[in-house]
mmCIF file of all heavy atoms, coordinates in Angstrom:
data_MODEL
# 
_entry.id   MODEL 
# 
loop_
_atom_site.group_PDB 
_atom_site.id 
_atom_site.type_symbol 
_atom_site.label_atom_id 
_atom_site.label_alt_id 
_atom_site.label_comp_id 
_atom_site.label_asym_id 
_atom_site.label_entity_id 
_atom_site.label_seq_id 
_atom_site.pdbx_PDB_ins_code 
_atom_site.Cartn_x 
_atom_site.Cartn_y 
_atom_site.Cartn_z 
_atom_site.occupancy 
_atom_site.B_iso_or_equiv 
_atom_site.pdbx_formal_charge 
_atom_site.auth_seq_id 
_atom_site.auth_comp_id 
_atom_site.auth_asym_id 
_atom_site.auth_atom_id 
_atom_site.pdbx_PDB_model_num 
ATOM 1   N N   . ARG A 1 1  ? 133.466 138.972 149.571 1.00 0.00 ? 1  ARG A N   1 
ATOM 2   C CA  . ARG A 1 1  ? 133.618 138.352 148.251 1.00 0.00 ? 1  ARG A CA  1 
ATOM 3   C C   . ARG A 1 1  ? 133.072 139.308 147.220 1.00 0.00 ? 1  ARG A C   1 
ATOM 4   O O   . ARG A 1 1  ? 131.921 139.730 147.302 1.00 0.00 ? 1  ARG A O   1 
ATOM 5   C CB  . ARG A 1 1  ? 132.860 137.024 148.183 1.00 0.00 ? 1  ARG A CB  1 
ATOM 6   C CG  . ARG A 1 1  ? 133.349 136.093 147.075 1.00 0.00 ? 1  ARG A CG  1 
ATOM 7   C CD  . ARG A 1 1  ? 132.330 135.011 146.751 1.00 0.00 ? 1  ARG A CD  1 
ATOM 8   N NE  . ARG A 1 1  ? 131.250 135.571 145.951 1.00 0.00 ? 1  ARG A NE  1 
ATOM 9   C CZ  . ARG A 1 1  ? 129.952 135.462 146.266 1.00 0.00 ? 1  ARG A CZ  1 
ATOM 10  N NH1 . ARG A 1 1  ? 129.578 134.841 147.351 1.00 0.00 ? 1  ARG A NH1 1 
ATOM 11  N NH2 . ARG A 1 1  ? 129.041 135.999 145.471 1.00 0.00 ? 1  ARG A NH2 1 
ATOM 12  N N   . SER A 1 2  ? 133.904 139.692 146.258 1.00 0.00 ? 2  SER A N   1 
ATOM 13  C CA  . SER A 1 2  ? 133.490 140.635 145.227 1.00 0.00 ? 2  SER A CA  1 
ATOM 14  C C   . SER A 1 2  ? 133.340 139.944 143.878 1.00 0.00 ? 2  SER A C   1 
ATOM 15  O O   . SER A 1 2  ? 134.148 139.085 143.514 1.00 0.00 ? 2  SER A O   1 
ATOM 16  C CB  . SER A 1 2  ? 134.500 141.783 145.102 1.00 0.00 ? 2  SER A CB  1 
ATOM 17  O OG  . SER A 1 2  ? 134.478 142.607 146.261 1.00 0.00 ? 2  SER A OG  1 
ATOM 18  N N   . ASP A 1 3  ? 132.293 140.338 143.155 1.00 0.00 ? 3  ASP A N   1 
ATOM 19  C CA  . ASP A 1 3  ? 131.995 139.765 141.845 1.00 0.00 ? 3  ASP A CA  1 
ATOM 20  C C   . ASP A 1 3  ? 132.403 140.736 140.741 1.00 0.00 ? 3  ASP A C   1 
ATOM 21  O O   . ASP A 1 3  ? 132.223 141.956 140.881 1.00 0.00 ? 3  ASP A O   1 
ATOM 22  C CB  . ASP A 1 3  ? 130.501 139.463 141.725 1.00 0.00 ? 3  ASP A CB  1 
ATOM 23  C CG  . ASP A 1 3  ? 130.015 138.509 142.810 1.00 0.00 ? 3  ASP A CG  1 
ATOM 24  O OD1 . ASP A 1 3  ? 130.829 137.711 143.303 1.00 0.00 ? 3  ASP A OD1 1 
ATOM 25  O OD2 . ASP A 1 3  ? 128.823 138.568 143.165 1.00 0.00 ? 3  ASP A OD2 1 
ATOM 26  N N   . PHE A 1 4  ? 132.904 140.193 139.651 1.00 0.00 ? 4  PHE A N   1 
ATOM 27  C CA  . PHE A 1 4  ? 133.389 141.004 138.529 1.00 0.00 ? 4  PHE A CA  1 
ATOM 28  C C   . PHE A 1 4  ? 132.974 140.381 137.197 1.00 0.00 ? 4  PHE A C   1 
ATOM 29  O O   . PHE A 1 4  ? 132.697 139.189 137.121 1.00 0.00 ? 4  PHE A O   1 
ATOM 30  C CB  . PHE A 1 4  ? 134.926 141.073 138.527 1.00 0.00 ? 4  PHE A CB  1 
ATOM 31  C CG  . PHE A 1 4  ? 135.559 141.667 139.743 1.00 0.00 ? 4  PHE A CG  1 
ATOM 32  C CD1 . PHE A 1 4  ? 135.818 140.880 140.862 1.00 0.00 ? 4  PHE A CD1 1 
ATOM 33  C CD2 . PHE A 1 4  ? 135.928 142.999 139.770 1.00 0.00 ? 4  PHE A CD2 1 
ATOM 34  C CE1 . PHE A 1 4  ? 136.417 141.410 141.992 1.00 0.00 ? 4  PHE A CE1 1 
ATOM 35  C CE2 . PHE A 1 4  ? 136.532 143.544 140.899 1.00 0.00 ? 4  PHE A CE2 1 
ATOM 36  C CZ  . PHE A 1 4  ? 136.780 142.750 142.011 1.00 0.00 ? 4  PHE A CZ  1 
ATOM 37  N N   . ILE A 1 5  ? 132.973 141.222 136.166 1.00 0.00 ? 5  ILE A N   1 
ATOM 38  C CA  . ILE A 1 5  ? 132.969 140.761 134.782 1.00 0.00 ? 5  ILE A CA  1 
ATOM 39  C C   . ILE A 1 5  ? 134.307 141.173 134.189 1.00 0.00 ? 5  ILE A C   1 
ATOM 40  O O   . ILE A 1 5  ? 134.681 142.357 134.243 1.00 0.00 ? 5  ILE A O   1 
ATOM 41  C CB  . ILE A 1 5  ? 131.831 141.391 133.958 1.00 0.00 ? 5  ILE A CB  1 
ATOM 42  C CG1 . ILE A 1 5  ? 130.465 140.964 134.499 1.00 0.00 ? 5  ILE A CG1 1 
ATOM 43  C CG2 . ILE A 1 5  ? 131.969 140.992 132.491 1.00 0.00 ? 5  ILE A CG2 1 
ATOM 44  C CD1 . ILE A 1 5  ? 130.123 139.508 134.306 1.00 0.00 ? 5  ILE A CD1 1 
ATOM 45  N N   . VAL A 1 6  ? 135.033 140.212 133.644 1.00 0.00 ? 6  VAL A N   1 
ATOM 46  C CA  . VAL A 1 6  ? 136.310 140.535 133.002 1.00 0.00 ? 6  VAL A CA  1 
ATOM 47  C C   . VAL A 1 6  ? 136.016 140.842 131.539 1.00 0.00 ? 6  VAL A C   1 
ATOM 48  O O   . VAL A 1 6  ? 135.744 139.951 130.736 1.00 0.00 ? 6  VAL A O   1 
ATOM 49  C CB  . VAL A 1 6  ? 137.312 139.372 133.118 1.00 0.00 ? 6  VAL A CB  1 
ATOM 50  C CG1 . VAL A 1 6  ? 138.638 139.767 132.460 1.00 0.00 ? 6  VAL A CG1 1 
ATOM 51  C CG2 . VAL A 1 6  ? 137.543 139.005 134.575 1.00 0.00 ? 6  VAL A CG2 1 
ATOM 52  N N   . THR A 1 7  ? 136.041 142.111 131.204 1.00 0.00 ? 7  THR A N   1 
ATOM 53  C CA  . THR A 1 7  ? 135.776 142.563 129.843 1.00 0.00 ? 7  THR A CA  1 
ATOM 54  C C   . THR A 1 7  ? 137.097 142.633 129.065 1.00 0.00 ? 7  THR A C   1 
ATOM 55  O O   . THR A 1 7  ? 138.167 142.335 129.606 1.00 0.00 ? 7  THR A O   1 
ATOM 56  C CB  . THR A 1 7  ? 135.118 143.951 129.854 1.00 0.00 ? 7  THR A CB  1 
ATOM 57  O OG1 . THR A 1 7  ? 136.096 144.922 130.290 1.00 0.00 ? 7  THR A OG1 1 
ATOM 58  C CG2 . THR A 1 7  ? 133.925 143.986 130.808 1.00 0.00 ? 7  THR A CG2 1 
ATOM 59  N N   . SER A 1 8  ? 137.011 143.061 127.831 1.00 0.00 ? 8  SER A N   1 
ATOM 60  C CA  . SER A 1 8  ? 138.221 143.204 127.020 1.00 0.00 ? 8  SER A CA  1 
ATOM 61  C C   . SER A 1 8  ? 139.151 144.275 127.588 1.00 0.00 ? 8  SER A C   1 
ATOM 62  O O   . SER A 1 8  ? 140.344 144.311 127.273 1.00 0.00 ? 8  SER A O   1 
ATOM 63  C CB  . SER A 1 8  ? 137.846 143.557 125.579 1.00 0.00 ? 8  SER A CB  1 
ATOM 64  O OG  . SER A 1 8  ? 137.075 144.759 125.543 1.00 0.00 ? 8  SER A OG  1 
ATOM 65  N N   . SER A 1 9  ? 138.584 145.139 128.433 1.00 0.00 ? 9  SER A N   1 
ATOM 66  C CA  . SER A 1 9  ? 139.386 146.205 129.058 1.00 0.00 ? 9  SER A CA  1 
ATOM 67  C C   . SER A 1 9  ? 139.841 145.854 130.466 1.00 0.00 ? 9  SER A C   1 
ATOM 68  O O   . SER A 1 9  ? 140.502 146.654 131.127 1.00 0.00 ? 9  SER A O   1 
ATOM 69  C CB  . SER A 1 9  ? 138.578 147.508 129.101 1.00 0.00 ? 9  SER A CB  1 
ATOM 70  O OG  . SER A 1 9  ? 138.203 147.922 127.796 1.00 0.00 ? 9  SER A OG  1 
ATOM 71  N N   . GLY A 1 10 ? 139.460 144.644 130.932 1.00 0.00 ? 10 GLY A N   1 
ATOM 72  C CA  . GLY A 1 10 ? 139.855 144.243 132.273 1.00 0.00 ? 10 GLY A CA  1 
ATOM 73  C C   . GLY A 1 10 ? 138.656 144.036 133.182 1.00 0.00 ? 10 GLY A C   1 
ATOM 74  O O   . GLY A 1 10 ? 137.500 144.174 132.763 1.00 0.00 ? 10 GLY A O   1 
ATOM 75  N N   . PRO A 1 11 ? 138.888 143.712 134.454 1.00 0.00 ? 11 PRO A N   1 
ATOM 76  C CA  . PRO A 1 11 ? 137.804 143.434 135.395 1.00 0.00 ? 11 PRO A CA  1 
ATOM 77  C C   . PRO A 1 11 ? 136.993 144.681 135.757 1.00 0.00 ? 11 PRO A C   1 
ATOM 78  O O   . PRO A 1 11 ? 137.555 145.758 135.976 1.00 0.00 ? 11 PRO A O   1 
ATOM 79  C CB  . PRO A 1 11 ? 138.525 142.899 136.634 1.00 0.00 ? 11 PRO A CB  1 
ATOM 80  C CG  . PRO A 1 11 ? 139.901 142.521 136.168 1.00 0.00 ? 11 PRO A CG  1 
ATOM 81  C CD  . PRO A 1 11 ? 140.211 143.466 135.051 1.00 0.00 ? 11 PRO A CD  1 
ATOM 82  N N   . VAL A 1 12 ? 135.674 144.515 135.793 1.00 0.00 ? 12 VAL A N   1 
ATOM 83  C CA  . VAL A 1 12 ? 134.751 145.573 136.217 1.00 0.00 ? 12 VAL A CA  1 
ATOM 84  C C   . VAL A 1 12 ? 133.936 145.011 137.380 1.00 0.00 ? 12 VAL A C   1 
ATOM 85  O O   . VAL A 1 12 ? 133.338 143.938 137.261 1.00 0.00 ? 12 VAL A O   1 
ATOM 86  C CB  . VAL A 1 12 ? 133.804 146.001 135.075 1.00 0.00 ? 12 VAL A CB  1 
ATOM 87  C CG1 . VAL A 1 12 ? 132.815 147.060 135.563 1.00 0.00 ? 12 VAL A CG1 1 
ATOM 88  C CG2 . VAL A 1 12 ? 134.607 146.523 133.889 1.00 0.00 ? 12 VAL A CG2 1 
ATOM 89  N N   . ILE A 1 13 ? 133.901 145.707 138.492 1.00 0.00 ? 13 ILE A N   1 
ATOM 90  C CA  . ILE A 1 13 ? 133.238 145.183 139.676 1.00 0.00 ? 13 ILE A CA  1 
ATOM 91  C C   . ILE A 1 13 ? 131.722 145.282 139.564 1.00 0.00 ? 13 ILE A C   1 
ATOM 92  O O   . ILE A 1 13 ? 131.185 146.239 138.975 1.00 0.00 ? 13 ILE A O   1 
ATOM 93  C CB  . ILE A 1 13 ? 133.732 145.904 140.952 1.00 0.00 ? 13 ILE A CB  1 
ATOM 94  C CG1 . ILE A 1 13 ? 133.355 145.105 142.206 1.00 0.00 ? 13 ILE A CG1 1 
ATOM 95  C CG2 . ILE A 1 13 ? 133.209 147.337 141.019 1.00 0.00 ? 13 ILE A CG2 1 
ATOM 96  C CD1 . ILE A 1 13 ? 134.094 145.525 143.453 1.00 0.00 ? 13 ILE A CD1 1 
ATOM 97  N N   . LEU A 1 14 ? 131.027 144.297 140.113 1.00 0.00 ? 14 LEU A N   1 
ATOM 98  C CA  . LEU A 1 14 ? 129.567 144.284 140.151 1.00 0.00 ? 14 LEU A CA  1 
ATOM 99  C C   . LEU A 1 14 ? 129.064 144.585 141.560 1.00 0.00 ? 14 LEU A C   1 
ATOM 100 O O   . LEU A 1 14 ? 128.213 145.445 141.752 1.00 0.00 ? 14 LEU A O   1 
ATOM 101 C CB  . LEU A 1 14 ? 129.030 142.925 139.682 1.00 0.00 ? 14 LEU A CB  1 
ATOM 102 C CG  . LEU A 1 14 ? 129.397 142.495 138.262 1.00 0.00 ? 14 LEU A CG  1 
ATOM 103 C CD1 . LEU A 1 14 ? 128.847 141.102 137.986 1.00 0.00 ? 14 LEU A CD1 1 
ATOM 104 C CD2 . LEU A 1 14 ? 128.872 143.504 137.242 1.00 0.00 ? 14 LEU A CD2 1 
ATOM 105 N N   . GLU A 1 15 ? 129.574 143.850 142.544 1.00 0.00 ? 15 GLU A N   1 
ATOM 106 C CA  . GLU A 1 15 ? 129.134 144.051 143.915 1.00 0.00 ? 15 GLU A CA  1 
ATOM 107 C C   . GLU A 1 15 ? 130.065 143.327 144.875 1.00 0.00 ? 15 GLU A C   1 
ATOM 108 O O   . GLU A 1 15 ? 130.882 142.500 144.462 1.00 0.00 ? 15 GLU A O   1 
ATOM 109 C CB  . GLU A 1 15 ? 127.712 143.536 144.114 1.00 0.00 ? 15 GLU A CB  1 
ATOM 110 C CG  . GLU A 1 15 ? 127.562 142.037 143.912 1.00 0.00 ? 15 GLU A CG  1 
ATOM 111 C CD  . GLU A 1 15 ? 126.139 141.559 144.172 1.00 0.00 ? 15 GLU A CD  1 
ATOM 112 O OE1 . GLU A 1 15 ? 125.685 141.630 145.324 1.00 0.00 ? 15 GLU A OE1 1 
ATOM 113 O OE2 . GLU A 1 15 ? 125.490 141.108 143.204 1.00 0.00 ? 15 GLU A OE2 1 
ATOM 114 N N   . THR A 1 16 ? 129.924 143.637 146.166 1.00 0.00 ? 16 THR A N   1 
ATOM 115 C CA  . THR A 1 16 ? 130.687 142.983 147.217 1.00 0.00 ? 16 THR A CA  1 
ATOM 116 C C   . THR A 1 16 ? 129.731 142.398 148.244 1.00 0.00 ? 16 THR A C   1 
ATOM 117 O O   . THR A 1 16 ? 128.814 143.079 148.704 1.00 0.00 ? 16 THR A O   1 
ATOM 118 C CB  . THR A 1 16 ? 131.645 143.970 147.912 1.00 0.00 ? 16 THR A CB  1 
ATOM 119 O OG1 . THR A 1 16 ? 132.589 144.474 146.957 1.00 0.00 ? 16 THR A OG1 1 
ATOM 120 C CG2 . THR A 1 16 ? 132.405 143.288 149.051 1.00 0.00 ? 16 THR A CG2 1 
ATOM 121 N N   . ASN A 1 17 ? 129.938 141.139 148.568 1.00 0.00 ? 17 ASN A N   1 
ATOM 122 C CA  . ASN A 1 17 ? 129.147 140.470 149.595 1.00 0.00 ? 17 ASN A CA  1 
ATOM 123 C C   . ASN A 1 17 ? 129.931 140.492 150.901 1.00 0.00 ? 17 ASN A C   1 
ATOM 124 O O   . ASN A 1 17 ? 131.041 139.956 150.967 1.00 0.00 ? 17 ASN A O   1 
ATOM 125 C CB  . ASN A 1 17 ? 128.862 139.018 149.207 1.00 0.00 ? 17 ASN A CB  1 
ATOM 126 C CG  . ASN A 1 17 ? 128.068 138.921 147.921 1.00 0.00 ? 17 ASN A CG  1 
ATOM 127 O OD1 . ASN A 1 17 ? 126.853 138.973 147.935 1.00 0.00 ? 17 ASN A OD1 1 
ATOM 128 N ND2 . ASN A 1 17 ? 128.768 138.790 146.799 1.00 0.00 ? 17 ASN A ND2 1 
ATOM 129 N N   . THR A 1 18 ? 129.372 141.103 151.938 1.00 0.00 ? 18 THR A N   1 
ATOM 130 C CA  . THR A 1 18 ? 130.089 141.216 153.208 1.00 0.00 ? 18 THR A CA  1 
ATOM 131 C C   . THR A 1 18 ? 129.926 139.974 154.086 1.00 0.00 ? 18 THR A C   1 
ATOM 132 O O   . THR A 1 18 ? 130.709 139.768 155.009 1.00 0.00 ? 18 THR A O   1 
ATOM 133 C CB  . THR A 1 18 ? 129.619 142.454 153.991 1.00 0.00 ? 18 THR A CB  1 
ATOM 134 O OG1 . THR A 1 18 ? 128.193 142.402 154.162 1.00 0.00 ? 18 THR A OG1 1 
ATOM 135 C CG2 . THR A 1 18 ? 129.977 143.730 153.245 1.00 0.00 ? 18 THR A CG2 1 
ATOM 136 N N   . ILE A 1 19 ? 128.896 139.155 153.804 1.00 0.00 ? 19 ILE A N   1 
ATOM 137 C CA  . ILE A 1 19 ? 128.753 137.859 154.473 1.00 0.00 ? 19 ILE A CA  1 
ATOM 138 C C   . ILE A 1 19 ? 128.474 136.830 153.377 1.00 0.00 ? 19 ILE A C   1 
ATOM 139 O O   . ILE A 1 19 ? 127.324 136.493 153.092 1.00 0.00 ? 19 ILE A O   1 
ATOM 140 C CB  . ILE A 1 19 ? 127.618 137.851 155.519 1.00 0.00 ? 19 ILE A CB  1 
ATOM 141 C CG1 . ILE A 1 19 ? 127.805 138.992 156.522 1.00 0.00 ? 19 ILE A CG1 1 
ATOM 142 C CG2 . ILE A 1 19 ? 127.579 136.508 156.254 1.00 0.00 ? 19 ILE A CG2 1 
ATOM 143 C CD1 . ILE A 1 19 ? 126.700 139.069 157.568 1.00 0.00 ? 19 ILE A CD1 1 
ATOM 144 N N   . PRO A 1 20 ? 129.519 136.341 152.725 1.00 0.00 ? 20 PRO A N   1 
ATOM 145 C CA  . PRO A 1 20 ? 129.324 135.383 151.623 1.00 0.00 ? 20 PRO A CA  1 
ATOM 146 C C   . PRO A 1 20 ? 128.626 134.114 152.097 1.00 0.00 ? 20 PRO A C   1 
ATOM 147 O O   . PRO A 1 20 ? 128.711 133.739 153.270 1.00 0.00 ? 20 PRO A O   1 
ATOM 148 C CB  . PRO A 1 20 ? 130.761 135.093 151.173 1.00 0.00 ? 20 PRO A CB  1 
ATOM 149 C CG  . PRO A 1 20 ? 131.583 136.211 151.687 1.00 0.00 ? 20 PRO A CG  1 
ATOM 150 C CD  . PRO A 1 20 ? 130.935 136.643 152.952 1.00 0.00 ? 20 PRO A CD  1 
ATOM 151 N N   . GLY A 1 21 ? 127.951 133.450 151.167 1.00 0.00 ? 21 GLY A N   1 
ATOM 152 C CA  . GLY A 1 21 ? 127.296 132.193 151.479 1.00 0.00 ? 21 GLY A CA  1 
ATOM 153 C C   . GLY A 1 21 ? 128.282 131.149 151.975 1.00 0.00 ? 21 GLY A C   1 
ATOM 154 O O   . GLY A 1 21 ? 129.441 131.117 151.549 1.00 0.00 ? 21 GLY A O   1 
ATOM 155 N N   . MET A 1 22 ? 127.824 130.289 152.865 1.00 0.00 ? 22 MET A N   1 
ATOM 156 C CA  . MET A 1 22 ? 128.674 129.254 153.447 1.00 0.00 ? 22 MET A CA  1 
ATOM 157 C C   . MET A 1 22 ? 128.048 127.872 153.305 1.00 0.00 ? 22 MET A C   1 
ATOM 158 O O   . MET A 1 22 ? 128.330 126.962 154.085 1.00 0.00 ? 22 MET A O   1 
ATOM 159 C CB  . MET A 1 22 ? 128.952 129.567 154.918 1.00 0.00 ? 22 MET A CB  1 
ATOM 160 C CG  . MET A 1 22 ? 129.644 130.891 155.139 1.00 0.00 ? 22 MET A CG  1 
ATOM 161 S SD  . MET A 1 22 ? 129.898 131.263 156.877 1.00 0.00 ? 22 MET A SD  1 
ATOM 162 C CE  . MET A 1 22 ? 130.452 132.979 156.770 1.00 0.00 ? 22 MET A CE  1 
ATOM 163 N N   . THR A 1 23 ? 127.174 127.710 152.319 1.00 0.00 ? 23 THR A N   1 
ATOM 164 C CA  . THR A 1 23 ? 126.561 126.401 152.070 1.00 0.00 ? 23 THR A CA  1 
ATOM 165 C C   . THR A 1 23 ? 127.558 125.514 151.322 1.00 0.00 ? 23 THR A C   1 
ATOM 166 O O   . THR A 1 23 ? 128.610 125.978 150.874 1.00 0.00 ? 23 THR A O   1 
ATOM 167 C CB  . THR A 1 23 ? 125.280 126.542 151.232 1.00 0.00 ? 23 THR A CB  1 
ATOM 168 O OG1 . THR A 1 23 ? 125.636 126.863 149.868 1.00 0.00 ? 23 THR A OG1 1 
ATOM 169 C CG2 . THR A 1 23 ? 124.371 127.638 151.766 1.00 0.00 ? 23 THR A CG2 1 
ATOM 170 N N   . ASP A 1 24 ? 127.199 124.244 151.150 1.00 0.00 ? 24 ASP A N   1 
ATOM 171 C CA  . ASP A 1 24 ? 128.070 123.319 150.421 1.00 0.00 ? 24 ASP A CA  1 
ATOM 172 C C   . ASP A 1 24 ? 128.277 123.764 148.973 1.00 0.00 ? 24 ASP A C   1 
ATOM 173 O O   . ASP A 1 24 ? 129.299 123.432 148.358 1.00 0.00 ? 24 ASP A O   1 
ATOM 174 C CB  . ASP A 1 24 ? 127.478 121.906 150.445 1.00 0.00 ? 24 ASP A CB  1 
ATOM 175 C CG  . ASP A 1 24 ? 127.530 121.277 151.832 1.00 0.00 ? 24 ASP A CG  1 
ATOM 176 O OD1 . ASP A 1 24 ? 128.402 121.674 152.628 1.00 0.00 ? 24 ASP A OD1 1 
ATOM 177 O OD2 . ASP A 1 24 ? 126.699 120.390 152.113 1.00 0.00 ? 24 ASP A OD2 1 
ATOM 178 N N   . ALA A 1 25 ? 127.293 124.497 148.436 1.00 0.00 ? 25 ALA A N   1 
ATOM 179 C CA  . ALA A 1 25 ? 127.366 124.914 147.032 1.00 0.00 ? 25 ALA A CA  1 
ATOM 180 C C   . ALA A 1 25 ? 127.878 126.345 146.875 1.00 0.00 ? 25 ALA A C   1 
ATOM 181 O O   . ALA A 1 25 ? 127.984 126.840 145.754 1.00 0.00 ? 25 ALA A O   1 
ATOM 182 C CB  . ALA A 1 25 ? 125.990 124.797 146.378 1.00 0.00 ? 25 ALA A CB  1 
ATOM 183 N N   . SER A 1 26 ? 128.207 127.002 147.973 1.00 0.00 ? 26 SER A N   1 
ATOM 184 C CA  . SER A 1 26 ? 128.605 128.414 147.913 1.00 0.00 ? 26 SER A CA  1 
ATOM 185 C C   . SER A 1 26 ? 130.029 128.587 147.391 1.00 0.00 ? 26 SER A C   1 
ATOM 186 O O   . SER A 1 26 ? 130.865 127.674 147.453 1.00 0.00 ? 26 SER A O   1 
ATOM 187 C CB  . SER A 1 26 ? 128.493 129.054 149.299 1.00 0.00 ? 26 SER A CB  1 
ATOM 188 O OG  . SER A 1 26 ? 127.158 129.082 149.741 1.00 0.00 ? 26 SER A OG  1 
ATOM 189 N N   . LEU A 1 27 ? 130.291 129.786 146.919 1.00 0.00 ? 27 LEU A N   1 
ATOM 190 C CA  . LEU A 1 27 ? 131.580 130.086 146.307 1.00 0.00 ? 27 LEU A CA  1 
ATOM 191 C C   . LEU A 1 27 ? 132.710 130.209 147.336 1.00 0.00 ? 27 LEU A C   1 
ATOM 192 O O   . LEU A 1 27 ? 133.809 129.704 147.118 1.00 0.00 ? 27 LEU A O   1 
ATOM 193 C CB  . LEU A 1 27 ? 131.480 131.390 145.511 1.00 0.00 ? 27 LEU A CB  1 
ATOM 194 C CG  . LEU A 1 27 ? 130.636 131.311 144.239 1.00 0.00 ? 27 LEU A CG  1 
ATOM 195 C CD1 . LEU A 1 27 ? 130.111 132.691 143.860 1.00 0.00 ? 27 LEU A CD1 1 
ATOM 196 C CD2 . LEU A 1 27 ? 131.462 130.740 143.100 1.00 0.00 ? 27 LEU A CD2 1 
# 
């Protein structure tokens, strides 16, 4: 799961999670 900020110029990556959370509240 990769996180981004979508700026006026488009998406910019922040980081990649190789084992994303799997809780009830996770993405």
